[in-house]
Amino acid sequence: MTASKSCTSISPEDYLGTEKVRPIKHEYRQGKIYAKAGESKPHAIITGNVSVLLRNHLRGSGCIPYMADMRVMLDTPNFFYYPDVAVSCDERDKNAAVQSWIYGFMATFMTPSR
């Protein structure tokens, strides 16, 4: 993840408005925007395997695992992430298009870069 060069702090509302039209995903932490790095093949394999394991384990529970493209807002509105895998068990998230507010599990995997 790389910090944006701008030192200006932006509001969560401005971040959410511009994130819709950006070609790459960005995470937001207390006014600062960080571009998501590209993923490696090992990273994609790990993320896929964990997601499948969670999906199989959660089948019939009402909980839904999400991979990579679901934005998660933490309890405070100053943090938005795109975790590699997230799980939500809340009814309100079942129809969410790109964002989850209520999550039960969130993981990001670190793999060595080349």
PDB file of N, CA and C in Angstrom:
ATOM      1  N   MET A   1       0.848  -1.162   0.000  1.00  0.00           N
ATOM      2  CA  MET A   1       0.000   0.000   0.000  1.00  0.00           C
ATOM      3  C   MET A   1       0.900   1.234   0.000  1.00  0.00           C
ATOM      4  N   THR A   2       0.573   2.226  -0.790  1.00  0.00           N
ATOM      5  CA  THR A   2       1.373   3.423  -0.892  1.00  0.00           C
ATOM      6  C   THR A   2       0.547   4.635  -0.518  1.00  0.00           C
ATOM      7  N   ALA A   3       1.142   5.517   0.269  1.00  0.00           N
ATOM      8  CA  ALA A   3       0.431   6.726   0.668  1.00  0.00           C
ATOM      9  C   ALA A   3       0.333   7.670  -0.519  1.00  0.00           C
ATOM     10  N   SER A   4      -0.764   8.389  -0.610  1.00  0.00           N
ATOM     11  CA  SER A   4      -0.888   9.390  -1.663  1.00  0.00           C
ATOM     12  C   SER A   4       0.083  10.522  -1.364  1.00  0.00           C
ATOM     13  N   LYS A   5       0.507  11.238  -2.406  1.00  0.00           N
ATOM     14  CA  LYS A   5       1.499  12.296  -2.214  1.00  0.00           C
ATOM     15  C   LYS A   5       0.904  13.536  -1.576  1.00  0.00           C
ATOM     16  N   SER A   6      -0.378  13.682  -1.656  1.00  0.00           N
ATOM     17  CA  SER A   6      -1.027  14.859  -1.107  1.00  0.00           C
ATOM     18  C   SER A   6      -1.048  14.802   0.416  1.00  0.00           C
ATOM     19  N   CYS A   7      -0.730  15.897   1.054  1.00  0.00           N
ATOM     20  CA  CYS A   7      -0.762  15.962   2.512  1.00  0.00           C
ATOM     21  C   CYS A   7      -2.106  16.483   2.998  1.00  0.00           C
ATOM     22  N   THR A   8      -2.970  16.834   2.077  1.00  0.00           N
ATOM     23  CA  THR A   8      -4.276  17.367   2.424  1.00  0.00           C
ATOM     24  C   THR A   8      -5.169  16.247   2.935  1.00  0.00           C
ATOM     25  N   SER A   9      -5.871  16.529   3.996  1.00  0.00           N
ATOM     26  CA  SER A   9      -6.820  15.572   4.548  1.00  0.00           C
ATOM     27  C   SER A   9      -8.154  15.755   3.842  1.00  0.00           C
ATOM     28  N   ILE A  10      -8.815  14.636   3.487  1.00  0.00           N
ATOM     29  CA  ILE A  10     -10.120  14.746   2.842  1.00  0.00           C
ATOM     30  C   ILE A  10     -11.179  14.083   3.720  1.00  0.00           C
ATOM     31  N   SER A  11     -12.396  14.460   3.506  1.00  0.00           N
ATOM     32  CA  SER A  11     -13.500  13.943   4.320  1.00  0.00           C
ATOM     33  C   SER A  11     -13.898  12.548   3.832  1.00  0.00           C
ATOM     34  N   PRO A  12     -14.522  11.742   4.716  1.00  0.00           N
ATOM     35  CA  PRO A  12     -15.029  10.432   4.278  1.00  0.00           C
ATOM     36  C   PRO A  12     -16.005  10.563   3.108  1.00  0.00           C
ATOM     37  N   GLU A  13     -16.831  11.590   3.104  1.00  0.00           N
ATOM     38  CA  GLU A  13     -17.806  11.796   2.029  1.00  0.00           C
ATOM     39  C   GLU A  13     -17.107  12.029   0.693  1.00  0.00           C
ATOM     40  N   ASP A  14     -16.035  12.856   0.691  1.00  0.00           N
ATOM     41  CA  ASP A  14     -15.287  13.111  -0.539  1.00  0.00           C
ATOM     42  C   ASP A  14     -14.599  11.834  -1.026  1.00  0.00           C
ATOM     43  N   TYR A  15     -14.035  11.076  -0.090  1.00  0.00           N
ATOM     44  CA  TYR A  15     -13.403   9.805  -0.453  1.00  0.00           C
ATOM     45  C   TYR A  15     -14.417   8.881  -1.130  1.00  0.00           C
ATOM     46  N   LEU A  16     -15.583   8.702  -0.512  1.00  0.00           N
ATOM     47  CA  LEU A  16     -16.594   7.805  -1.069  1.00  0.00           C
ATOM     48  C   LEU A  16     -17.085   8.283  -2.427  1.00  0.00           C
ATOM     49  N   GLY A  17     -17.195   9.588  -2.610  1.00  0.00           N
ATOM     50  CA  GLY A  17     -17.635  10.141  -3.890  1.00  0.00           C
ATOM     51  C   GLY A  17     -16.635   9.897  -5.006  1.00  0.00           C
ATOM     52  N   THR A  18     -15.343  10.057  -4.715  1.00  0.00           N
ATOM     53  CA  THR A  18     -14.322   9.866  -5.750  1.00  0.00           C
ATOM     54  C   THR A  18     -13.959   8.403  -5.945  1.00  0.00           C
ATOM     55  N   GLU A  19     -14.150   7.570  -4.930  1.00  0.00           N
ATOM     56  CA  GLU A  19     -13.795   6.151  -5.045  1.00  0.00           C
ATOM     57  C   GLU A  19     -14.632   5.452  -6.112  1.00  0.00           C
ATOM     58  N   LYS A  20     -15.845   5.930  -6.326  1.00  0.00           N
ATOM     59  CA  LYS A  20     -16.743   5.328  -7.326  1.00  0.00           C
ATOM     60  C   LYS A  20     -16.178   5.410  -8.737  1.00  0.00           C
ATOM     61  N   VAL A  21     -15.401   6.455  -9.027  1.00  0.00           N
ATOM     62  CA  VAL A  21     -14.935   6.683 -10.394  1.00  0.00           C
ATOM     63  C   VAL A  21     -13.454   6.387 -10.589  1.00  0.00           C
ATOM     64  N   ARG A  22     -12.763   6.003  -9.566  1.00  0.00           N
ATOM     65  CA  ARG A  22     -11.325   5.715  -9.693  1.00  0.00           C
ATOM     66  C   ARG A  22     -11.112   4.348 -10.347  1.00  0.00           C
ATOM     67  N   PRO A  23     -10.095   4.225 -11.201  1.00  0.00           N
ATOM     68  CA  PRO A  23      -9.840   2.941 -11.858  1.00  0.00           C
ATOM     69  C   PRO A  23      -9.224   1.892 -10.923  1.00  0.00           C
ATOM     70  N   ILE A  24      -8.578   2.320  -9.846  1.00  0.00           N
ATOM     71  CA  ILE A  24      -8.035   1.378  -8.863  1.00  0.00           C
ATOM     72  C   ILE A  24      -8.629   1.693  -7.495  1.00  0.00           C
ATOM     73  N   LYS A  25      -8.628   0.695  -6.626  1.00  0.00           N
ATOM     74  CA  LYS A  25      -9.201   0.860  -5.281  1.00  0.00           C
ATOM     75  C   LYS A  25      -8.230   1.588  -4.367  1.00  0.00           C
ATOM     76  N   HIS A  26      -8.814   2.331  -3.446  1.00  0.00           N
ATOM     77  CA  HIS A  26      -8.041   3.038  -2.423  1.00  0.00           C
ATOM     78  C   HIS A  26      -8.659   2.783  -1.060  1.00  0.00           C
ATOM     79  N   GLU A  27      -7.815   2.690  -0.051  1.00  0.00           N
ATOM     80  CA  GLU A  27      -8.312   2.595   1.319  1.00  0.00           C
ATOM     81  C   GLU A  27      -8.203   3.967   1.953  1.00  0.00           C
ATOM     82  N   TYR A  28      -8.993   4.184   2.974  1.00  0.00           N
ATOM     83  CA  TYR A  28      -9.098   5.503   3.604  1.00  0.00           C
ATOM     84  C   TYR A  28      -8.867   5.352   5.099  1.00  0.00           C
ATOM     85  N   ARG A  29      -7.925   6.110   5.622  1.00  0.00           N
ATOM     86  CA  ARG A  29      -7.654   6.092   7.056  1.00  0.00           C
ATOM     87  C   ARG A  29      -7.480   7.509   7.577  1.00  0.00           C
ATOM     88  N   GLN A  30      -8.447   7.949   8.325  1.00  0.00           N
ATOM     89  CA  GLN A  30      -8.415   9.251   9.002  1.00  0.00           C
ATOM     90  C   GLN A  30      -7.967  10.391   8.089  1.00  0.00           C
ATOM     91  N   GLY A  31      -8.628  10.515   6.943  1.00  0.00           N
ATOM     92  CA  GLY A  31      -8.357  11.635   6.051  1.00  0.00           C
ATOM     93  C   GLY A  31      -7.299  11.390   5.000  1.00  0.00           C
ATOM     94  N   LYS A  32      -6.609  10.284   5.068  1.00  0.00           N
ATOM     95  CA  LYS A  32      -5.556   9.961   4.094  1.00  0.00           C
ATOM     96  C   LYS A  32      -6.011   8.810   3.213  1.00  0.00           C
ATOM     97  N   ILE A  33      -5.638   8.858   1.940  1.00  0.00           N
ATOM     98  CA  ILE A  33      -6.012   7.839   0.967  1.00  0.00           C
ATOM     99  C   ILE A  33      -4.764   7.045   0.580  1.00  0.00           C
ATOM    100  N   TYR A  34      -4.914   5.724   0.537  1.00  0.00           N
ATOM    101  CA  TYR A  34      -3.816   4.825   0.200  1.00  0.00           C
ATOM    102  C   TYR A  34      -4.243   3.920  -0.956  1.00  0.00           C
ATOM    103  N   ALA A  35      -3.451   3.934  -2.033  1.00  0.00           N
ATOM    104  CA  ALA A  35      -3.757   3.086  -3.184  1.00  0.00           C
ATOM    105  C   ALA A  35      -3.486   1.635  -2.829  1.00  0.00           C
ATOM    106  N   LYS A  36      -4.371   0.747  -3.271  1.00  0.00           N
ATOM    107  CA  LYS A  36      -4.169  -0.687  -3.066  1.00  0.00           C
ATOM    108  C   LYS A  36      -3.118  -1.176  -4.059  1.00  0.00           C
ATOM    109  N   ALA A  37      -2.191  -1.964  -3.565  1.00  0.00           N
ATOM    110  CA  ALA A  37      -1.156  -2.526  -4.428  1.00  0.00           C
ATOM    111  C   ALA A  37      -1.723  -3.684  -5.237  1.00  0.00           C
ATOM    112  N   GLY A  38      -1.109  -3.964  -6.372  1.00  0.00           N
ATOM    113  CA  GLY A  38      -1.512  -5.125  -7.166  1.00  0.00           C
ATOM    114  C   GLY A  38      -1.197  -6.404  -6.413  1.00  0.00           C
ATOM    115  N   GLU A  39      -1.953  -7.442  -6.685  1.00  0.00           N
ATOM    116  CA  GLU A  39      -1.789  -8.703  -5.978  1.00  0.00           C
ATOM    117  C   GLU A  39      -0.915  -9.662  -6.771  1.00  0.00           C
ATOM    118  N   SER A  40      -0.167 -10.504  -6.067  1.00  0.00           N
ATOM    119  CA  SER A  40       0.669 -11.507  -6.712  1.00  0.00           C
ATOM    120  C   SER A  40      -0.108 -12.815  -6.866  1.00  0.00           C
ATOM    121  N   LYS A  41       0.416 -13.727  -7.651  1.00  0.00           N
ATOM    122  CA  LYS A  41      -0.234 -15.022  -7.844  1.00  0.00           C
ATOM    123  C   LYS A  41      -0.355 -15.778  -6.511  1.00  0.00           C
ATOM    124  N   PRO A  42       0.708 -15.883  -5.689  1.00  0.00           N
ATOM    125  CA  PRO A  42       0.553 -16.569  -4.398  1.00  0.00           C
ATOM    126  C   PRO A  42      -0.507 -15.919  -3.512  1.00  0.00           C
ATOM    127  N   HIS A  43      -0.570 -14.602  -3.546  1.00  0.00           N
ATOM    128  CA  HIS A  43      -1.562 -13.876  -2.755  1.00  0.00           C
ATOM    129  C   HIS A  43      -2.973 -14.234  -3.205  1.00  0.00           C
ATOM    130  N   ALA A  44      -3.194 -14.283  -4.509  1.00  0.00           N
ATOM    131  CA  ALA A  44      -4.506 -14.629  -5.057  1.00  0.00           C
ATOM    132  C   ALA A  44      -4.891 -16.066  -4.685  1.00  0.00           C
ATOM    133  N   ILE A  45      -3.927 -16.975  -4.696  1.00  0.00           N
ATOM    134  CA  ILE A  45      -4.197 -18.366  -4.337  1.00  0.00           C
ATOM    135  C   ILE A  45      -4.591 -18.473  -2.864  1.00  0.00           C
ATOM    136  N   ILE A  46      -3.845 -17.811  -1.989  1.00  0.00           N
ATOM    137  CA  ILE A  46      -4.149 -17.837  -0.548  1.00  0.00           C
ATOM    138  C   ILE A  46      -5.536 -17.263  -0.288  1.00  0.00           C
ATOM    139  N   THR A  47      -5.819 -16.110  -0.874  1.00  0.00           N
ATOM    140  CA  THR A  47      -7.109 -15.457  -0.676  1.00  0.00           C
ATOM    141  C   THR A  47      -8.253 -16.338  -1.167  1.00  0.00           C
ATOM    142  N   GLY A  48      -8.094 -16.933  -2.338  1.00  0.00           N
ATOM    143  CA  GLY A  48      -9.125 -17.811  -2.884  1.00  0.00           C
ATOM    144  C   GLY A  48      -9.354 -19.035  -2.010  1.00  0.00           C
ATOM    145  N   ASN A  49      -8.264 -19.649  -1.543  1.00  0.00           N
ATOM    146  CA  ASN A  49      -8.392 -20.838  -0.700  1.00  0.00           C
ATOM    147  C   ASN A  49      -9.097 -20.526   0.616  1.00  0.00           C
ATOM    148  N   VAL A  50      -8.735 -19.431   1.260  1.00  0.00           N
ATOM    149  CA  VAL A  50      -9.369 -19.060   2.526  1.00  0.00           C
ATOM    150  C   VAL A  50     -10.843 -18.742   2.305  1.00  0.00           C
ATOM    151  N   SER A  51     -11.154 -18.054   1.217  1.00  0.00           N
ATOM    152  CA  SER A  51     -12.545 -17.722   0.919  1.00  0.00           C
ATOM    153  C   SER A  51     -13.393 -18.980   0.711  1.00  0.00           C
ATOM    154  N   VAL A  52     -12.862 -19.960  -0.024  1.00  0.00           N
ATOM    155  CA  VAL A  52     -13.590 -21.207  -0.260  1.00  0.00           C
ATOM    156  C   VAL A  52     -13.799 -21.964   1.055  1.00  0.00           C
ATOM    157  N   LEU A  53     -12.767 -22.034   1.888  1.00  0.00           N
ATOM    158  CA  LEU A  53     -12.895 -22.713   3.188  1.00  0.00           C
ATOM    159  C   LEU A  53     -13.972 -22.048   4.045  1.00  0.00           C
ATOM    160  N   LEU A  54     -13.946 -20.717   4.072  1.00  0.00           N
ATOM    161  CA  LEU A  54     -14.954 -19.996   4.855  1.00  0.00           C
ATOM    162  C   LEU A  54     -16.351 -20.225   4.288  1.00  0.00           C
ATOM    163  N   ARG A  55     -16.485 -20.171   2.969  1.00  0.00           N
ATOM    164  CA  ARG A  55     -17.803 -20.366   2.344  1.00  0.00           C
ATOM    165  C   ARG A  55     -18.368 -21.749   2.693  1.00  0.00           C
ATOM    166  N   ASN A  56     -17.527 -22.765   2.605  1.00  0.00           N
ATOM    167  CA  ASN A  56     -17.970 -24.119   2.947  1.00  0.00           C
ATOM    168  C   ASN A  56     -18.346 -24.229   4.423  1.00  0.00           C
ATOM    169  N   HIS A  57     -17.549 -23.624   5.277  1.00  0.00           N
ATOM    170  CA  HIS A  57     -17.804 -23.678   6.722  1.00  0.00           C
ATOM    171  C   HIS A  57     -19.084 -22.925   7.101  1.00  0.00           C
ATOM    172  N   LEU A  58     -19.350 -21.834   6.412  1.00  0.00           N
ATOM    173  CA  LEU A  58     -20.482 -20.964   6.754  1.00  0.00           C
ATOM    174  C   LEU A  58     -21.787 -21.359   6.064  1.00  0.00           C
ATOM    175  N   ARG A  59     -21.745 -22.303   5.161  1.00  0.00           N
ATOM    176  CA  ARG A  59     -22.938 -22.696   4.408  1.00  0.00           C
ATOM    177  C   ARG A  59     -24.105 -22.990   5.349  1.00  0.00           C
ATOM    178  N   GLY A  60     -25.237 -22.344   5.089  1.00  0.00           N
ATOM    179  CA  GLY A  60     -26.439 -22.545   5.893  1.00  0.00           C
ATOM    180  C   GLY A  60     -26.497 -21.721   7.168  1.00  0.00           C
ATOM    181  N   SER A  61     -25.460 -20.948   7.446  1.00  0.00           N
ATOM    182  CA  SER A  61     -25.420 -20.175   8.691  1.00  0.00           C
ATOM    183  C   SER A  61     -26.053 -18.795   8.560  1.00  0.00           C
ATOM    184  N   GLY A  62     -26.261 -18.324   7.338  1.00  0.00           N
ATOM    185  CA  GLY A  62     -26.749 -16.963   7.135  1.00  0.00           C
ATOM    186  C   GLY A  62     -25.618 -15.954   6.996  1.00  0.00           C
ATOM    187  N   CYS A  63     -24.379 -16.387   7.217  1.00  0.00           N
ATOM    188  CA  CYS A  63     -23.215 -15.507   7.065  1.00  0.00           C
ATOM    189  C   CYS A  63     -22.686 -15.612   5.636  1.00  0.00           C
ATOM    190  N   ILE A  64     -22.136 -14.504   5.138  1.00  0.00           N
ATOM    191  CA  ILE A  64     -21.645 -14.452   3.760  1.00  0.00           C
ATOM    192  C   ILE A  64     -20.177 -14.032   3.752  1.00  0.00           C
ATOM    193  N   PRO A  65     -19.309 -14.838   3.121  1.00  0.00           N
ATOM    194  CA  PRO A  65     -17.915 -14.408   2.952  1.00  0.00           C
ATOM    195  C   PRO A  65     -17.785 -13.556   1.687  1.00  0.00           C
ATOM    196  N   TYR A  66     -16.962 -12.536   1.751  1.00  0.00           N
ATOM    197  CA  TYR A  66     -16.696 -11.671   0.596  1.00  0.00           C
ATOM    198  C   TYR A  66     -15.204 -11.690   0.329  1.00  0.00           C
ATOM    199  N   MET A  67     -14.835 -11.547  -0.945  1.00  0.00           N
ATOM    200  CA  MET A  67     -13.428 -11.480  -1.324  1.00  0.00           C
ATOM    201  C   MET A  67     -13.099 -10.141  -1.940  1.00  0.00           C
ATOM    202  N   ALA A  68     -12.038  -9.538  -1.512  1.00  0.00           N
ATOM    203  CA  ALA A  68     -11.325  -8.419  -2.119  1.00  0.00           C
ATOM    204  C   ALA A  68     -12.110  -7.186  -2.563  1.00  0.00           C
ATOM    205  N   ASP A  69     -13.210  -7.311  -3.259  1.00  0.00           N
ATOM    206  CA  ASP A  69     -13.876  -6.149  -3.835  1.00  0.00           C
ATOM    207  C   ASP A  69     -14.919  -5.509  -2.923  1.00  0.00           C
ATOM    208  N   MET A  70     -15.159  -6.063  -1.767  1.00  0.00           N
ATOM    209  CA  MET A  70     -16.151  -5.506  -0.840  1.00  0.00           C
ATOM    210  C   MET A  70     -15.451  -4.532   0.118  1.00  0.00           C
ATOM    211  N   ARG A  71     -15.834  -3.288   0.046  1.00  0.00           N
ATOM    212  CA  ARG A  71     -15.268  -2.279   0.944  1.00  0.00           C
ATOM    213  C   ARG A  71     -15.912  -2.443   2.322  1.00  0.00           C
ATOM    214  N   VAL A  72     -15.109  -2.346   3.371  1.00  0.00           N
ATOM    215  CA  VAL A  72     -15.595  -2.480   4.743  1.00  0.00           C
ATOM    216  C   VAL A  72     -15.320  -1.186   5.496  1.00  0.00           C
ATOM    217  N   MET A  73     -16.341  -0.656   6.140  1.00  0.00           N
ATOM    218  CA  MET A  73     -16.172   0.506   6.999  1.00  0.00           C
ATOM    219  C   MET A  73     -16.098   0.007   8.433  1.00  0.00           C
ATOM    220  N   LEU A  74     -15.039   0.389   9.128  1.00  0.00           N
ATOM    221  CA  LEU A  74     -14.922   0.004  10.528  1.00  0.00           C
ATOM    222  C   LEU A  74     -15.908   0.798  11.362  1.00  0.00           C
ATOM    223  N   ASP A  75     -15.971   0.509  12.650  1.00  0.00           N
ATOM    224  CA  ASP A  75     -16.945   1.144  13.538  1.00  0.00           C
ATOM    225  C   ASP A  75     -16.908   2.664  13.496  1.00  0.00           C
ATOM    226  N   THR A  76     -15.766   3.208  13.205  1.00  0.00           N
ATOM    227  CA  THR A  76     -15.643   4.652  13.083  1.00  0.00           C
ATOM    228  C   THR A  76     -15.680   5.016  11.595  1.00  0.00           C
ATOM    229  N   PRO A  77     -16.313   6.104  11.209  1.00  0.00           N
ATOM    230  CA  PRO A  77     -16.399   6.442   9.784  1.00  0.00           C
ATOM    231  C   PRO A  77     -15.087   6.919   9.177  1.00  0.00           C
ATOM    232  N   ASN A  78     -14.012   6.872   9.919  1.00  0.00           N
ATOM    233  CA  ASN A  78     -12.737   7.354   9.405  1.00  0.00           C
ATOM    234  C   ASN A  78     -11.836   6.250   8.865  1.00  0.00           C
ATOM    235  N   PHE A  79     -12.363   5.027   8.719  1.00  0.00           N
ATOM    236  CA  PHE A  79     -11.575   3.906   8.218  1.00  0.00           C
ATOM    237  C   PHE A  79     -12.395   3.083   7.234  1.00  0.00           C
ATOM    238  N   PHE A  80     -11.911   2.986   5.992  1.00  0.00           N
ATOM    239  CA  PHE A  80     -12.515   2.148   4.969  1.00  0.00           C
ATOM    240  C   PHE A  80     -11.428   1.255   4.387  1.00  0.00           C
ATOM    241  N   TYR A  81     -11.654  -0.050   4.368  1.00  0.00           N
ATOM    242  CA  TYR A  81     -10.675  -1.008   3.872  1.00  0.00           C
ATOM    243  C   TYR A  81     -11.282  -1.915   2.812  1.00  0.00           C
ATOM    244  N   TYR A  82     -10.411  -2.511   2.010  1.00  0.00           N
ATOM    245  CA  TYR A  82     -10.777  -3.584   1.099  1.00  0.00           C
ATOM    246  C   TYR A  82      -9.994  -4.809   1.578  1.00  0.00           C
ATOM    247  N   PRO A  83     -10.500  -5.507   2.590  1.00  0.00           N
ATOM    248  CA  PRO A  83      -9.752  -6.678   3.072  1.00  0.00           C
ATOM    249  C   PRO A  83      -9.772  -7.788   2.022  1.00  0.00           C
ATOM    250  N   ASP A  84      -8.819  -8.685   2.118  1.00  0.00           N
ATOM    251  CA  ASP A  84      -8.779  -9.808   1.185  1.00  0.00           C
ATOM    252  C   ASP A  84      -9.997 -10.706   1.368  1.00  0.00           C
ATOM    253  N   VAL A  85     -10.395 -10.927   2.612  1.00  0.00           N
ATOM    254  CA  VAL A  85     -11.563 -11.735   2.922  1.00  0.00           C
ATOM    255  C   VAL A  85     -12.298 -11.080   4.082  1.00  0.00           C
ATOM    256  N   ALA A  86     -13.615 -11.013   3.978  1.00  0.00           N
ATOM    257  CA  ALA A  86     -14.438 -10.495   5.072  1.00  0.00           C
ATOM    258  C   ALA A  86     -15.676 -11.378   5.181  1.00  0.00           C
ATOM    259  N   VAL A  87     -16.240 -11.460   6.380  1.00  0.00           N
ATOM    260  CA  VAL A  87     -17.462 -12.229   6.606  1.00  0.00           C
ATOM    261  C   VAL A  87     -18.459 -11.329   7.306  1.00  0.00           C
ATOM    262  N   SER A  88     -19.683 -11.315   6.798  1.00  0.00           N
ATOM    263  CA  SER A  88     -20.763 -10.578   7.442  1.00  0.00           C
ATOM    264  C   SER A  88     -21.897 -11.544   7.739  1.00  0.00           C
ATOM    265  N   CYS A  89     -22.459 -11.407   8.931  1.00  0.00           N
ATOM    266  CA  CYS A  89     -23.604 -12.236   9.339  1.00  0.00           C
ATOM    267  C   CYS A  89     -24.833 -11.362   9.568  1.00  0.00           C
ATOM    268  N   ASP A  90     -24.793 -10.131   9.117  1.00  0.00           N
ATOM    269  CA  ASP A  90     -25.871  -9.180   9.352  1.00  0.00           C
ATOM    270  C   ASP A  90     -26.767  -9.073   8.124  1.00  0.00           C
ATOM    271  N   GLU A  91     -28.070  -9.121   8.341  1.00  0.00           N
ATOM    272  CA  GLU A  91     -29.059  -9.031   7.255  1.00  0.00           C
ATOM    273  C   GLU A  91     -28.888  -7.768   6.418  1.00  0.00           C
ATOM    274  N   ARG A  92     -28.476  -6.669   7.050  1.00  0.00           N
ATOM    275  CA  ARG A  92     -28.355  -5.403   6.324  1.00  0.00           C
ATOM    276  C   ARG A  92     -27.302  -5.455   5.223  1.00  0.00           C
ATOM    277  N   ASP A  93     -26.345  -6.370   5.324  1.00  0.00           N
ATOM    278  CA  ASP A  93     -25.290  -6.462   4.322  1.00  0.00           C
ATOM    279  C   ASP A  93     -25.647  -7.348   3.141  1.00  0.00           C
ATOM    280  N   LYS A  94     -26.733  -8.088   3.209  1.00  0.00           N
ATOM    281  CA  LYS A  94     -27.062  -9.036   2.138  1.00  0.00           C
ATOM    282  C   LYS A  94     -27.362  -8.348   0.814  1.00  0.00           C
ATOM    283  N   ASN A  95     -27.822  -7.119   0.835  1.00  0.00           N
ATOM    284  CA  ASN A  95     -28.128  -6.402  -0.403  1.00  0.00           C
ATOM    285  C   ASN A  95     -27.136  -5.275  -0.693  1.00  0.00           C
ATOM    286  N   ALA A  96     -26.063  -5.203   0.074  1.00  0.00           N
ATOM    287  CA  ALA A  96     -25.064  -4.158  -0.139  1.00  0.00           C
ATOM    288  C   ALA A  96     -24.322  -4.410  -1.448  1.00  0.00           C
ATOM    289  N   ALA A  97     -24.160  -3.370  -2.252  1.00  0.00           N
ATOM    290  CA  ALA A  97     -23.501  -3.517  -3.551  1.00  0.00           C
ATOM    291  C   ALA A  97     -21.981  -3.527  -3.431  1.00  0.00           C
ATOM    292  N   VAL A  98     -21.404  -2.563  -2.722  1.00  0.00           N
ATOM    293  CA  VAL A  98     -19.945  -2.460  -2.668  1.00  0.00           C
ATOM    294  C   VAL A  98     -19.402  -2.228  -1.268  1.00  0.00           C
ATOM    295  N   GLN A  99     -20.264  -2.130  -0.295  1.00  0.00           N
ATOM    296  CA  GLN A  99     -19.765  -1.786   1.036  1.00  0.00           C
ATOM    297  C   GLN A  99     -20.479  -2.577   2.117  1.00  0.00           C
ATOM    298  N   SER A 100     -19.695  -3.018   3.082  1.00  0.00           N
ATOM    299  CA  SER A 100     -20.231  -3.719   4.232  1.00  0.00           C
ATOM    300  C   SER A 100     -19.989  -2.861   5.468  1.00  0.00           C
ATOM    301  N   TRP A 101     -21.019  -2.683   6.246  1.00  0.00           N
ATOM    302  CA  TRP A 101     -20.865  -1.917   7.475  1.00  0.00           C
ATOM    303  C   TRP A 101     -20.752  -2.836   8.684  1.00  0.00           C
ATOM    304  N   ILE A 102     -21.354  -3.983   8.588  1.00  0.00           N
ATOM    305  CA  ILE A 102     -21.395  -4.905   9.706  1.00  0.00           C
ATOM    306  C   ILE A 102     -20.620  -6.156   9.313  1.00  0.00           C
ATOM    307  N   TYR A 103     -19.531  -6.415   9.953  1.00  0.00           N
ATOM    308  CA  TYR A 103     -18.743  -7.582   9.594  1.00  0.00           C
ATOM    309  C   TYR A 103     -18.428  -8.395  10.845  1.00  0.00           C
ATOM    310  N   GLY A 104     -18.187  -9.673  10.653  1.00  0.00           N
ATOM    311  CA  GLY A 104     -17.853 -10.539  11.766  1.00  0.00           C
ATOM    312  C   GLY A 104     -16.404 -10.974  11.738  1.00  0.00           C
ATOM    313  N   PHE A 105     -15.774 -10.851  10.557  1.00  0.00           N
ATOM    314  CA  PHE A 105     -14.394 -11.296  10.386  1.00  0.00           C
ATOM    315  C   PHE A 105     -13.806 -10.544   9.209  1.00  0.00           C
ATOM    316  N   MET A 106     -12.533 -10.172   9.320  1.00  0.00           N
ATOM    317  CA  MET A 106     -11.861  -9.456   8.254  1.00  0.00           C
ATOM    318  C   MET A 106     -10.401  -9.872   8.265  1.00  0.00           C
ATOM    319  N   ALA A 107      -9.809 -10.192   7.100  1.00  0.00           N
ATOM    320  CA  ALA A 107      -8.407 -10.598   7.028  1.00  0.00           C
ATOM    321  C   ALA A 107      -7.741 -10.029   5.794  1.00  0.00           C
ATOM    322  N   THR A 108      -6.491  -9.646   5.967  1.00  0.00           N
ATOM    323  CA  THR A 108      -5.648  -9.223   4.858  1.00  0.00           C
ATOM    324  C   THR A 108      -4.383 -10.058   4.939  1.00  0.00           C
ATOM    325  N   PHE A 109      -3.950 -10.615   3.819  1.00  0.00           N
ATOM    326  CA  PHE A 109      -2.802 -11.496   3.803  1.00  0.00           C
ATOM    327  C   PHE A 109      -1.586 -10.785   3.205  1.00  0.00           C
ATOM    328  N   MET A 110      -0.452 -10.973   3.824  1.00  0.00           N
ATOM    329  CA  MET A 110       0.779 -10.360   3.367  1.00  0.00           C
ATOM    330  C   MET A 110       1.629 -11.431   2.693  1.00  0.00           C
ATOM    331  N   THR A 111       2.046 -11.187   1.454  1.00  0.00           N
ATOM    332  CA  THR A 111       2.937 -12.099   0.750  1.00  0.00           C
ATOM    333  C   THR A 111       4.159 -11.308   0.307  1.00  0.00           C
ATOM    334  N   PRO A 112       5.310 -11.959   0.233  1.00  0.00           N
ATOM    335  CA  PRO A 112       6.528 -11.230  -0.167  1.00  0.00           C
ATOM    336  C   PRO A 112       6.400 -10.660  -1.567  1.00  0.00           C
ATOM    337  N   SER A 113       6.935  -9.458  -1.760  1.00  0.00           N
ATOM    338  CA  SER A 113       6.950  -8.886  -3.105  1.00  0.00           C
ATOM    339  C   SER A 113       8.264  -9.276  -3.765  1.00  0.00           C
ATOM    340  N   ARG A 114       8.274  -9.179  -5.051  1.00  0.00           N
ATOM    341  CA  ARG A 114       9.495  -9.576  -5.779  1.00  0.00           C
ATOM    342  C   ARG A 114      10.413  -8.431  -5.949  1.00  0.00           C
TER     343      ARG A 114
END
